[in-house]
């Protein structure tokens, strides 16, 4: 599979934005809530004063961070798809989130953030959609303060013993179920293709090292279908 086309990915997410959260819950059986809880715990352990959630989508991770972190920690949510951000902002207004999350439209490959301005950066299920992962990781490292951490949740290649069942689900069940729920079969065909083509956790760890991060964690979750990665900006990394 070739690198994702940003315009096509943007248009795809714009189409499925209204039912995105519902479809996610059904397709994962709700286990995505557990994955995000683990991510927010890792972030909270850093005691950050500022967190940026990239590929924030409809805001699931950003809202979880806001609930978990103290009020004096700034939370920013960035996504390049405005209809997804519209969903996030509607949710924020409905929930009356305080202090509010700063939702912004932006491109991970060219972030409108100052150098060394964030204590932590998170990205959940968005890394595989980047047209240029190396450039994206370089941008993330640029905005992290020395010793700050990038925390990633992403689909990856599962343990071998579950691969036949998992890939059968991805290829034969997920696209049609999601297509029925969302009304957009092609979007979820892209989903299963992008998951199958994505590197395993060892390869992503190597990409983090190449980008200059100190790899702190690469934990497989739920049979290895998802991995939680942590990379630290190395300037003041403790060894």
Foldseek 3Di string as FASTA:
>chain_A
DAAADVVVLLVLLLLQQVCVVVLVCVLVVNCVVVVLVVVLVVVVVLLWQEEEEELCFLNPSQVVNLVRHDQNRAYEYEEQHVSSVVNNVVVCVVVVRPPDHHYDYDDLLDDPAAFQQTQEYEYEACLLNDSDNLSSLLSVLRNHHAFGKYKYKHFFQFDPVCRVVVLCCLPPPSLVVSCVSRVDSVSSVVVSVSNVPDYHQVVVCVSLVVSQWDWDAWAADDRNRMTITMTTNHPPDDD
